[in-house]
């Protein structure tokens, strides 16, 4: 499912114009990106959390040149689904492993 599909489905279910839904979705993504860039985590009850995870400093290896490369500690964005979300996916019969 793409962003356009999500926008269409929200517009169909709510009766709101697609342009307004698109603006809302884009604003949400913008807030998530800017907040996380400032080091803030975002918690959406019943859905999940957008958090910054710290990756420790490590030594990596460039195989082609056989040299060691130092990768400094850094943060990466991550999403942790809520228990309600996880249970809904686990109990779904459309998702199979």
PDB file of N, CA and C in Angstrom:
ATOM      1  N   UNK A   1       0.854  -1.177   0.000  1.00  0.00           N
ATOM      2  CA  UNK A   1       0.000   0.000   0.000  1.00  0.00           C
ATOM      3  C   UNK A   1       0.898   1.237   0.000  1.00  0.00           C
ATOM      4  N   UNK A   2       0.626   2.152  -0.889  1.00  0.00           N
ATOM      5  CA  UNK A   2       1.432   3.376  -0.996  1.00  0.00           C
ATOM      6  C   UNK A   2       0.756   4.521  -0.239  1.00  0.00           C
ATOM      7  N   UNK A   3       1.469   5.635  -0.148  1.00  0.00           N
ATOM      8  CA  UNK A   3       0.908   6.812   0.508  1.00  0.00           C
ATOM      9  C   UNK A   3      -0.357   7.269  -0.213  1.00  0.00           C
ATOM     10  N   UNK A   4      -0.355   7.214  -1.524  1.00  0.00           N
ATOM     11  CA  UNK A   4      -1.545   7.603  -2.302  1.00  0.00           C
ATOM     12  C   UNK A   4      -2.730   6.698  -1.978  1.00  0.00           C
ATOM     13  N   UNK A   5      -2.480   5.400  -1.791  1.00  0.00           N
ATOM     14  CA  UNK A   5      -3.541   4.462  -1.425  1.00  0.00           C
ATOM     15  C   UNK A   5      -4.110   4.796  -0.048  1.00  0.00           C
ATOM     16  N   UNK A   6      -3.230   5.122   0.882  1.00  0.00           N
ATOM     17  CA  UNK A   6      -3.661   5.486   2.239  1.00  0.00           C
ATOM     18  C   UNK A   6      -4.519   6.744   2.184  1.00  0.00           C
ATOM     19  N   UNK A   7      -4.078   7.731   1.428  1.00  0.00           N
ATOM     20  CA  UNK A   7      -4.826   8.988   1.294  1.00  0.00           C
ATOM     21  C   UNK A   7      -6.207   8.726   0.693  1.00  0.00           C
ATOM     22  N   UNK A   8      -6.270   7.907  -0.345  1.00  0.00           N
ATOM     23  CA  UNK A   8      -7.554   7.577  -0.976  1.00  0.00           C
ATOM     24  C   UNK A   8      -8.490   6.881   0.001  1.00  0.00           C
ATOM     25  N   UNK A   9      -7.950   5.940   0.765  1.00  0.00           N
ATOM     26  CA  UNK A   9      -8.787   5.197   1.709  1.00  0.00           C
ATOM     27  C   UNK A   9      -9.298   6.098   2.833  1.00  0.00           C
ATOM     28  N   UNK A  10      -8.452   6.980   3.346  1.00  0.00           N
ATOM     29  CA  UNK A  10      -8.887   7.916   4.387  1.00  0.00           C
ATOM     30  C   UNK A  10      -9.958   8.848   3.838  1.00  0.00           C
ATOM     31  N   UNK A  11      -9.757   9.350   2.621  1.00  0.00           N
ATOM     32  CA  UNK A  11     -10.738  10.243   2.005  1.00  0.00           C
ATOM     33  C   UNK A  11     -12.078   9.524   1.815  1.00  0.00           C
ATOM     34  N   UNK A  12     -12.038   8.262   1.397  1.00  0.00           N
ATOM     35  CA  UNK A  12     -13.275   7.489   1.200  1.00  0.00           C
ATOM     36  C   UNK A  12     -13.998   7.239   2.526  1.00  0.00           C
ATOM     37  N   UNK A  13     -13.244   6.888   3.564  1.00  0.00           N
ATOM     38  CA  UNK A  13     -13.856   6.548   4.853  1.00  0.00           C
ATOM     39  C   UNK A  13     -14.388   7.768   5.598  1.00  0.00           C
ATOM     40  N   UNK A  14     -13.749   8.915   5.426  1.00  0.00           N
ATOM     41  CA  UNK A  14     -14.151  10.106   6.189  1.00  0.00           C
ATOM     42  C   UNK A  14     -14.993  11.079   5.385  1.00  0.00           C
ATOM     43  N   UNK A  15     -14.934  11.009   4.060  1.00  0.00           N
ATOM     44  CA  UNK A  15     -15.662  11.952   3.227  1.00  0.00           C
ATOM     45  C   UNK A  15     -14.947  13.290   3.083  1.00  0.00           C
ATOM     46  N   UNK A  16     -13.723  13.360   3.576  1.00  0.00           N
ATOM     47  CA  UNK A  16     -12.913  14.585   3.470  1.00  0.00           C
ATOM     48  C   UNK A  16     -12.238  14.604   2.104  1.00  0.00           C
ATOM     49  N   UNK A  17     -12.083  15.791   1.532  1.00  0.00           N
ATOM     50  CA  UNK A  17     -11.447  15.968   0.232  1.00  0.00           C
ATOM     51  C   UNK A  17     -10.024  15.409   0.239  1.00  0.00           C
ATOM     52  N   UNK A  18      -9.623  14.765  -0.865  1.00  0.00           N
ATOM     53  CA  UNK A  18      -8.286  14.171  -0.956  1.00  0.00           C
ATOM     54  C   UNK A  18      -7.178  15.200  -0.746  1.00  0.00           C
ATOM     55  N   UNK A  19      -7.389  16.420  -1.219  1.00  0.00           N
ATOM     56  CA  UNK A  19      -6.386  17.473  -1.042  1.00  0.00           C
ATOM     57  C   UNK A  19      -6.159  17.800   0.424  1.00  0.00           C
ATOM     58  N   UNK A  20      -7.251  17.832   1.194  1.00  0.00           N
ATOM     59  CA  UNK A  20      -7.138  18.101   2.630  1.00  0.00           C
ATOM     60  C   UNK A  20      -6.457  16.948   3.361  1.00  0.00           C
ATOM     61  N   UNK A  21      -6.791  15.724   2.972  1.00  0.00           N
ATOM     62  CA  UNK A  21      -6.172  14.547   3.581  1.00  0.00           C
ATOM     63  C   UNK A  21      -4.675  14.533   3.262  1.00  0.00           C
ATOM     64  N   UNK A  22      -4.331  14.843   2.017  1.00  0.00           N
ATOM     65  CA  UNK A  22      -2.921  14.888   1.612  1.00  0.00           C
ATOM     66  C   UNK A  22      -2.157  15.920   2.439  1.00  0.00           C
ATOM     67  N   UNK A  23      -2.740  17.100   2.623  1.00  0.00           N
ATOM     68  CA  UNK A  23      -2.094  18.146   3.416  1.00  0.00           C
ATOM     69  C   UNK A  23      -1.901  17.685   4.856  1.00  0.00           C
ATOM     70  N   UNK A  24      -2.891  17.009   5.409  1.00  0.00           N
ATOM     71  CA  UNK A  24      -2.795  16.513   6.788  1.00  0.00           C
ATOM     72  C   UNK A  24      -1.712  15.453   6.923  1.00  0.00           C
ATOM     73  N   UNK A  25      -1.681  14.513   6.004  1.00  0.00           N
ATOM     74  CA  UNK A  25      -0.673  13.443   6.045  1.00  0.00           C
ATOM     75  C   UNK A  25       0.725  14.031   5.900  1.00  0.00           C
ATOM     76  N   UNK A  26       0.895  14.937   4.942  1.00  0.00           N
ATOM     77  CA  UNK A  26       2.207  15.563   4.730  1.00  0.00           C
ATOM     78  C   UNK A  26       2.639  16.359   5.963  1.00  0.00           C
ATOM     79  N   UNK A  27       1.683  17.054   6.598  1.00  0.00           N
ATOM     80  CA  UNK A  27       1.996  17.819   7.808  1.00  0.00           C
ATOM     81  C   UNK A  27       2.420  16.872   8.932  1.00  0.00           C
ATOM     82  N   UNK A  28       1.741  15.733   9.052  1.00  0.00           N
ATOM     83  CA  UNK A  28       2.105  14.742  10.076  1.00  0.00           C
ATOM     84  C   UNK A  28       3.529  14.249   9.856  1.00  0.00           C
ATOM     85  N   UNK A  29       3.847  13.860   8.622  1.00  0.00           N
ATOM     86  CA  UNK A  29       5.197  13.380   8.324  1.00  0.00           C
ATOM     87  C   UNK A  29       6.238  14.458   8.592  1.00  0.00           C
ATOM     88  N   UNK A  30       5.920  15.686   8.253  1.00  0.00           N
ATOM     89  CA  UNK A  30       6.842  16.799   8.486  1.00  0.00           C
ATOM     90  C   UNK A  30       7.111  16.989   9.970  1.00  0.00           C
ATOM     91  N   UNK A  31       6.051  16.924  10.780  1.00  0.00           N
ATOM     92  CA  UNK A  31       6.210  17.073  12.231  1.00  0.00           C
ATOM     93  C   UNK A  31       7.046  15.923  12.797  1.00  0.00           C
ATOM     94  N   UNK A  32       6.782  14.702  12.338  1.00  0.00           N
ATOM     95  CA  UNK A  32       7.545  13.546  12.816  1.00  0.00           C
ATOM     96  C   UNK A  32       9.023  13.715  12.479  1.00  0.00           C
ATOM     97  N   UNK A  33       9.321  14.074  11.237  1.00  0.00           N
ATOM     98  CA  UNK A  33      10.717  14.221  10.826  1.00  0.00           C
ATOM     99  C   UNK A  33      11.433  15.333  11.582  1.00  0.00           C
ATOM    100  N   UNK A  34      10.800  16.501  11.684  1.00  0.00           N
ATOM    101  CA  UNK A  34      11.462  17.624  12.347  1.00  0.00           C
ATOM    102  C   UNK A  34      11.615  17.373  13.846  1.00  0.00           C
ATOM    103  N   UNK A  35      10.613  16.777  14.479  1.00  0.00           N
ATOM    104  CA  UNK A  35      10.704  16.490  15.908  1.00  0.00           C
ATOM    105  C   UNK A  35      11.795  15.472  16.198  1.00  0.00           C
ATOM    106  N   UNK A  36      11.849  14.437  15.393  1.00  0.00           N
ATOM    107  CA  UNK A  36      12.876  13.414  15.612  1.00  0.00           C
ATOM    108  C   UNK A  36      14.271  13.959  15.326  1.00  0.00           C
ATOM    109  N   UNK A  37      14.387  14.864  14.360  1.00  0.00           N
ATOM    110  CA  UNK A  37      15.684  15.485  14.062  1.00  0.00           C
ATOM    111  C   UNK A  37      16.162  16.327  15.239  1.00  0.00           C
ATOM    112  N   UNK A  38      15.211  16.859  16.034  1.00  0.00           N
ATOM    113  CA  UNK A  38      15.563  17.643  17.207  1.00  0.00           C
ATOM    114  C   UNK A  38      15.776  16.767  18.438  1.00  0.00           C
ATOM    115  N   UNK A  39      15.673  15.446  18.283  1.00  0.00           N
ATOM    116  CA  UNK A  39      15.921  14.526  19.382  1.00  0.00           C
ATOM    117  C   UNK A  39      14.696  14.146  20.180  1.00  0.00           C
ATOM    118  N   UNK A  40      13.521  14.562  19.752  1.00  0.00           N
ATOM    119  CA  UNK A  40      12.285  14.225  20.465  1.00  0.00           C
ATOM    120  C   UNK A  40      11.715  12.907  19.950  1.00  0.00           C
ATOM    121  N   UNK A  41      11.162  12.114  20.868  1.00  0.00           N
ATOM    122  CA  UNK A  41      10.451  10.901  20.488  1.00  0.00           C
ATOM    123  C   UNK A  41       8.970  11.231  20.386  1.00  0.00           C
ATOM    124  N   UNK A  42       8.229  10.459  19.586  1.00  0.00           N
ATOM    125  CA  UNK A  42       6.804  10.696  19.392  1.00  0.00           C
ATOM    126  C   UNK A  42       6.054   9.425  19.786  1.00  0.00           C
ATOM    127  N   UNK A  43       5.078   9.596  20.687  1.00  0.00           N
ATOM    128  CA  UNK A  43       4.302   8.467  21.187  1.00  0.00           C
ATOM    129  C   UNK A  43       2.853   8.636  20.770  1.00  0.00           C
ATOM    130  N   UNK A  44       2.323   7.672  20.005  1.00  0.00           N
ATOM    131  CA  UNK A  44       0.931   7.691  19.570  1.00  0.00           C
ATOM    132  C   UNK A  44       0.244   6.506  20.252  1.00  0.00           C
ATOM    133  N   UNK A  45      -0.561   6.806  21.268  1.00  0.00           N
ATOM    134  CA  UNK A  45      -1.212   5.762  22.070  1.00  0.00           C
ATOM    135  C   UNK A  45      -2.071   4.868  21.176  1.00  0.00           C
ATOM    136  N   UNK A  46      -1.900   3.549  21.342  1.00  0.00           N
ATOM    137  CA  UNK A  46      -2.669   2.579  20.571  1.00  0.00           C
ATOM    138  C   UNK A  46      -2.091   2.289  19.204  1.00  0.00           C
ATOM    139  N   UNK A  47      -1.043   3.012  18.810  1.00  0.00           N
ATOM    140  CA  UNK A  47      -0.424   2.798  17.494  1.00  0.00           C
ATOM    141  C   UNK A  47       1.039   2.405  17.647  1.00  0.00           C
ATOM    142  N   UNK A  48       1.834   3.269  18.272  1.00  0.00           N
ATOM    143  CA  UNK A  48       3.234   2.958  18.470  1.00  0.00           C
ATOM    144  C   UNK A  48       4.057   4.196  18.758  1.00  0.00           C
ATOM    145  N   UNK A  49       5.365   4.014  18.788  1.00  0.00           N
ATOM    146  CA  UNK A  49       6.293   5.093  19.119  1.00  0.00           C
ATOM    147  C   UNK A  49       7.347   5.252  18.032  1.00  0.00           C
ATOM    148  N   UNK A  50       7.606   6.495  17.685  1.00  0.00           N
ATOM    149  CA  UNK A  50       8.706   6.819  16.794  1.00  0.00           C
ATOM    150  C   UNK A  50       9.837   7.286  17.699  1.00  0.00           C
ATOM    151  N   UNK A  51      10.936   6.528  17.758  1.00  0.00           N
ATOM    152  CA  UNK A  51      12.017   6.834  18.689  1.00  0.00           C
ATOM    153  C   UNK A  51      13.352   6.881  17.960  1.00  0.00           C
ATOM    154  N   UNK A  52      14.282   7.636  18.538  1.00  0.00           N
ATOM    155  CA  UNK A  52      15.654   7.676  18.054  1.00  0.00           C
ATOM    156  C   UNK A  52      16.447   6.638  18.833  1.00  0.00           C
ATOM    157  N   UNK A  53      17.063   5.690  18.126  1.00  0.00           N
ATOM    158  CA  UNK A  53      17.874   4.673  18.777  1.00  0.00           C
ATOM    159  C   UNK A  53      19.345   5.008  18.569  1.00  0.00           C
ATOM    160  N   UNK A  54      20.115   4.856  19.640  1.00  0.00           N
ATOM    161  CA  UNK A  54      21.545   5.144  19.547  1.00  0.00           C
ATOM    162  C   UNK A  54      22.286   3.887  19.111  1.00  0.00           C
ATOM    163  N   UNK A  55      23.115   4.042  18.114  1.00  0.00           N
ATOM    164  CA  UNK A  55      23.997   2.977  17.665  1.00  0.00           C
ATOM    165  C   UNK A  55      25.391   3.278  18.217  1.00  0.00           C
ATOM    166  N   UNK A  56      26.006   2.293  18.828  1.00  0.00           N
ATOM    167  CA  UNK A  56      27.311   2.485  19.457  1.00  0.00           C
ATOM    168  C   UNK A  56      28.415   2.603  18.410  1.00  0.00           C
ATOM    169  N   UNK A  57      29.531   3.177  18.829  1.00  0.00           N
ATOM    170  CA  UNK A  57      30.712   3.271  17.966  1.00  0.00           C
ATOM    171  C   UNK A  57      31.199   1.852  17.693  1.00  0.00           C
ATOM    172  N   UNK A  58      31.607   1.591  16.452  1.00  0.00           N
ATOM    173  CA  UNK A  58      32.087   0.252  16.127  1.00  0.00           C
ATOM    174  C   UNK A  58      33.135   0.305  15.029  1.00  0.00           C
ATOM    175  N   UNK A  59      33.824  -0.789  14.899  1.00  0.00           N
ATOM    176  CA  UNK A  59      34.840  -0.937  13.856  1.00  0.00           C
ATOM    177  C   UNK A  59      34.237  -1.819  12.767  1.00  0.00           C
ATOM    178  N   UNK A  60      34.228  -1.314  11.556  1.00  0.00           N
ATOM    179  CA  UNK A  60      33.743  -2.082  10.412  1.00  0.00           C
ATOM    180  C   UNK A  60      34.932  -2.407   9.508  1.00  0.00           C
ATOM    181  N   UNK A  61      34.709  -3.239   8.528  1.00  0.00           N
ATOM    182  CA  UNK A  61      35.806  -3.641   7.655  1.00  0.00           C
ATOM    183  C   UNK A  61      35.416  -3.451   6.204  1.00  0.00           C
ATOM    184  N   UNK A  62      36.290  -2.771   5.453  1.00  0.00           N
ATOM    185  CA  UNK A  62      36.129  -2.644   4.014  1.00  0.00           C
ATOM    186  C   UNK A  62      36.767  -3.891   3.403  1.00  0.00           C
ATOM    187  N   UNK A  63      35.964  -4.823   2.942  1.00  0.00           N
ATOM    188  CA  UNK A  63      36.462  -6.119   2.486  1.00  0.00           C
ATOM    189  C   UNK A  63      37.352  -5.991   1.254  1.00  0.00           C
ATOM    190  N   UNK A  64      36.982  -5.114   0.317  1.00  0.00           N
ATOM    191  CA  UNK A  64      37.757  -5.012  -0.922  1.00  0.00           C
ATOM    192  C   UNK A  64      39.163  -4.468  -0.677  1.00  0.00           C
ATOM    193  N   UNK A  65      39.332  -3.556   0.276  1.00  0.00           N
ATOM    194  CA  UNK A  65      40.657  -2.993   0.566  1.00  0.00           C
ATOM    195  C   UNK A  65      41.286  -3.619   1.806  1.00  0.00           C
ATOM    196  N   UNK A  66      40.523  -4.453   2.517  1.00  0.00           N
ATOM    197  CA  UNK A  66      40.970  -5.091   3.746  1.00  0.00           C
ATOM    198  C   UNK A  66      41.469  -4.067   4.771  1.00  0.00           C
ATOM    199  N   UNK A  67      40.688  -3.012   4.967  1.00  0.00           N
ATOM    200  CA  UNK A  67      41.038  -1.982   5.944  1.00  0.00           C
ATOM    201  C   UNK A  67      39.906  -1.824   6.956  1.00  0.00           C
ATOM    202  N   UNK A  68      40.276  -1.350   8.131  1.00  0.00           N
ATOM    203  CA  UNK A  68      39.283  -1.121   9.171  1.00  0.00           C
ATOM    204  C   UNK A  68      38.763   0.309   9.071  1.00  0.00           C
ATOM    205  N   UNK A  69      37.481   0.481   9.324  1.00  0.00           N
ATOM    206  CA  UNK A  69      36.833   1.791   9.282  1.00  0.00           C
ATOM    207  C   UNK A  69      36.120   1.985  10.620  1.00  0.00           C
ATOM    208  N   UNK A  70      36.307   3.153  11.215  1.00  0.00           N
ATOM    209  CA  UNK A  70      35.623   3.452  12.470  1.00  0.00           C
ATOM    210  C   UNK A  70      34.290   4.125  12.144  1.00  0.00           C
ATOM    211  N   UNK A  71      33.206   3.565  12.661  1.00  0.00           N
ATOM    212  CA  UNK A  71      31.885   4.170  12.514  1.00  0.00           C
ATOM    213  C   UNK A  71      31.524   4.745  13.876  1.00  0.00           C
ATOM    214  N   UNK A  72      31.420   6.058  13.945  1.00  0.00           N
ATOM    215  CA  UNK A  72      31.134   6.733  15.204  1.00  0.00           C
ATOM    216  C   UNK A  72      29.725   6.407  15.683  1.00  0.00           C
ATOM    217  N   UNK A  73      29.481   6.662  16.965  1.00  0.00           N
ATOM    218  CA  UNK A  73      28.142   6.491  17.529  1.00  0.00           C
ATOM    219  C   UNK A  73      27.198   7.447  16.816  1.00  0.00           C
ATOM    220  N   UNK A  74      25.996   6.986  16.536  1.00  0.00           N
ATOM    221  CA  UNK A  74      25.027   7.812  15.836  1.00  0.00           C
ATOM    222  C   UNK A  74      23.613   7.352  16.188  1.00  0.00           C
ATOM    223  N   UNK A  75      22.637   8.136  15.796  1.00  0.00           N
ATOM    224  CA  UNK A  75      21.239   7.816  16.054  1.00  0.00           C
ATOM    225  C   UNK A  75      20.542   7.455  14.746  1.00  0.00           C
ATOM    226  N   UNK A  76      19.609   6.492  14.850  1.00  0.00           N
ATOM    227  CA  UNK A  76      18.797   6.110  13.700  1.00  0.00           C
ATOM    228  C   UNK A  76      17.332   6.129  14.115  1.00  0.00           C
ATOM    229  N   UNK A  77      16.426   6.539  13.215  1.00  0.00           N
ATOM    230  CA  UNK A  77      15.005   6.528  13.554  1.00  0.00           C
ATOM    231  C   UNK A  77      14.481   5.096  13.589  1.00  0.00           C
ATOM    232  N   UNK A  78      13.532   4.869  14.492  1.00  0.00           N
ATOM    233  CA  UNK A  78      12.961   3.539  14.642  1.00  0.00           C
ATOM    234  C   UNK A  78      11.491   3.661  15.008  1.00  0.00           C
ATOM    235  N   UNK A  79      10.718   2.639  14.666  1.00  0.00           N
ATOM    236  CA  UNK A  79       9.301   2.595  15.035  1.00  0.00           C
ATOM    237  C   UNK A  79       9.061   1.367  15.882  1.00  0.00           C
ATOM    238  N   UNK A  80       8.435   1.555  17.031  1.00  0.00           N
ATOM    239  CA  UNK A  80       8.081   0.436  17.900  1.00  0.00           C
ATOM    240  C   UNK A  80       6.565   0.395  18.006  1.00  0.00           C
ATOM    241  N   UNK A  81       5.922  -0.646  17.453  1.00  0.00           N
ATOM    242  CA  UNK A  81       4.466  -0.723  17.501  1.00  0.00           C
ATOM    243  C   UNK A  81       3.965  -0.968  18.922  1.00  0.00           C
ATOM    244  N   UNK A  82       2.755  -0.484  19.212  1.00  0.00           N
ATOM    245  CA  UNK A  82       2.159  -0.703  20.531  1.00  0.00           C
ATOM    246  C   UNK A  82       1.706  -2.154  20.655  1.00  0.00           C
ATOM    247  N   UNK A  83       1.439  -2.575  21.887  1.00  0.00           N
ATOM    248  CA  UNK A  83       0.973  -3.946  22.122  1.00  0.00           C
ATOM    249  C   UNK A  83      -0.350  -4.203  21.408  1.00  0.00           C
ATOM    250  N   UNK A  84      -1.238  -3.196  21.393  1.00  0.00           N
ATOM    251  CA  UNK A  84      -2.532  -3.324  20.712  1.00  0.00           C
ATOM    252  C   UNK A  84      -2.320  -3.581  19.221  1.00  0.00           C
ATOM    253  N   UNK A  85      -1.398  -2.840  18.618  1.00  0.00           N
ATOM    254  CA  UNK A  85      -1.070  -2.968  17.198  1.00  0.00           C
ATOM    255  C   UNK A  85      -0.512  -4.373  16.919  1.00  0.00           C
ATOM    256  N   UNK A  86       0.434  -4.806  17.738  1.00  0.00           N
ATOM    257  CA  UNK A  86       1.067  -6.118  17.554  1.00  0.00           C
ATOM    258  C   UNK A  86       0.030  -7.228  17.668  1.00  0.00           C
ATOM    259  N   UNK A  87      -0.855  -7.134  18.669  1.00  0.00           N
ATOM    260  CA  UNK A  87      -1.883  -8.160  18.847  1.00  0.00           C
ATOM    261  C   UNK A  87      -2.845  -8.215  17.658  1.00  0.00           C
ATOM    262  N   UNK A  88      -3.186  -7.052  17.098  1.00  0.00           N
ATOM    263  CA  UNK A  88      -4.078  -7.011  15.937  1.00  0.00           C
ATOM    264  C   UNK A  88      -3.441  -7.740  14.747  1.00  0.00           C
ATOM    265  N   UNK A  89      -2.143  -7.539  14.545  1.00  0.00           N
ATOM    266  CA  UNK A  89      -1.438  -8.197  13.436  1.00  0.00           C
ATOM    267  C   UNK A  89      -1.335  -9.703  13.702  1.00  0.00           C
ATOM    268  N   UNK A  90      -1.011 -10.070  14.949  1.00  0.00           N
ATOM    269  CA  UNK A  90      -0.878 -11.492  15.286  1.00  0.00           C
ATOM    270  C   UNK A  90      -2.190 -12.239  15.099  1.00  0.00           C
ATOM    271  N   UNK A  91      -3.298 -11.594  15.436  1.00  0.00           N
ATOM    272  CA  UNK A  91      -4.594 -12.267  15.368  1.00  0.00           C
ATOM    273  C   UNK A  91      -5.219 -12.220  13.972  1.00  0.00           C
ATOM    274  N   UNK A  92      -4.606 -11.484  13.046  1.00  0.00           N
ATOM    275  CA  UNK A  92      -5.148 -11.381  11.701  1.00  0.00           C
ATOM    276  C   UNK A  92      -4.913 -12.689  10.939  1.00  0.00           C
ATOM    277  N   UNK A  93      -5.940 -13.154  10.245  1.00  0.00           N
ATOM    278  CA  UNK A  93      -5.766 -14.381   9.458  1.00  0.00           C
ATOM    279  C   UNK A  93      -5.311 -14.069   8.029  1.00  0.00           C
ATOM    280  N   UNK A  94      -5.205 -12.790   7.672  1.00  0.00           N
ATOM    281  CA  UNK A  94      -4.731 -12.422   6.332  1.00  0.00           C
ATOM    282  C   UNK A  94      -3.219 -12.370   6.254  1.00  0.00           C
ATOM    283  N   UNK A  95      -2.560 -12.165   7.425  1.00  0.00           N
ATOM    284  CA  UNK A  95      -1.110 -12.133   7.472  1.00  0.00           C
ATOM    285  C   UNK A  95      -0.630 -13.523   7.862  1.00  0.00           C
ATOM    286  N   UNK A  96       0.182 -14.131   7.005  1.00  0.00           N
ATOM    287  CA  UNK A  96       0.704 -15.465   7.318  1.00  0.00           C
ATOM    288  C   UNK A  96       2.216 -15.428   7.274  1.00  0.00           C
ATOM    289  N   UNK A  97       2.808 -16.316   8.051  1.00  0.00           N
ATOM    290  CA  UNK A  97       4.275 -16.350   8.113  1.00  0.00           C
ATOM    291  C   UNK A  97       4.881 -17.385   7.215  1.00  0.00           C
TER     292      UNK A  97
END
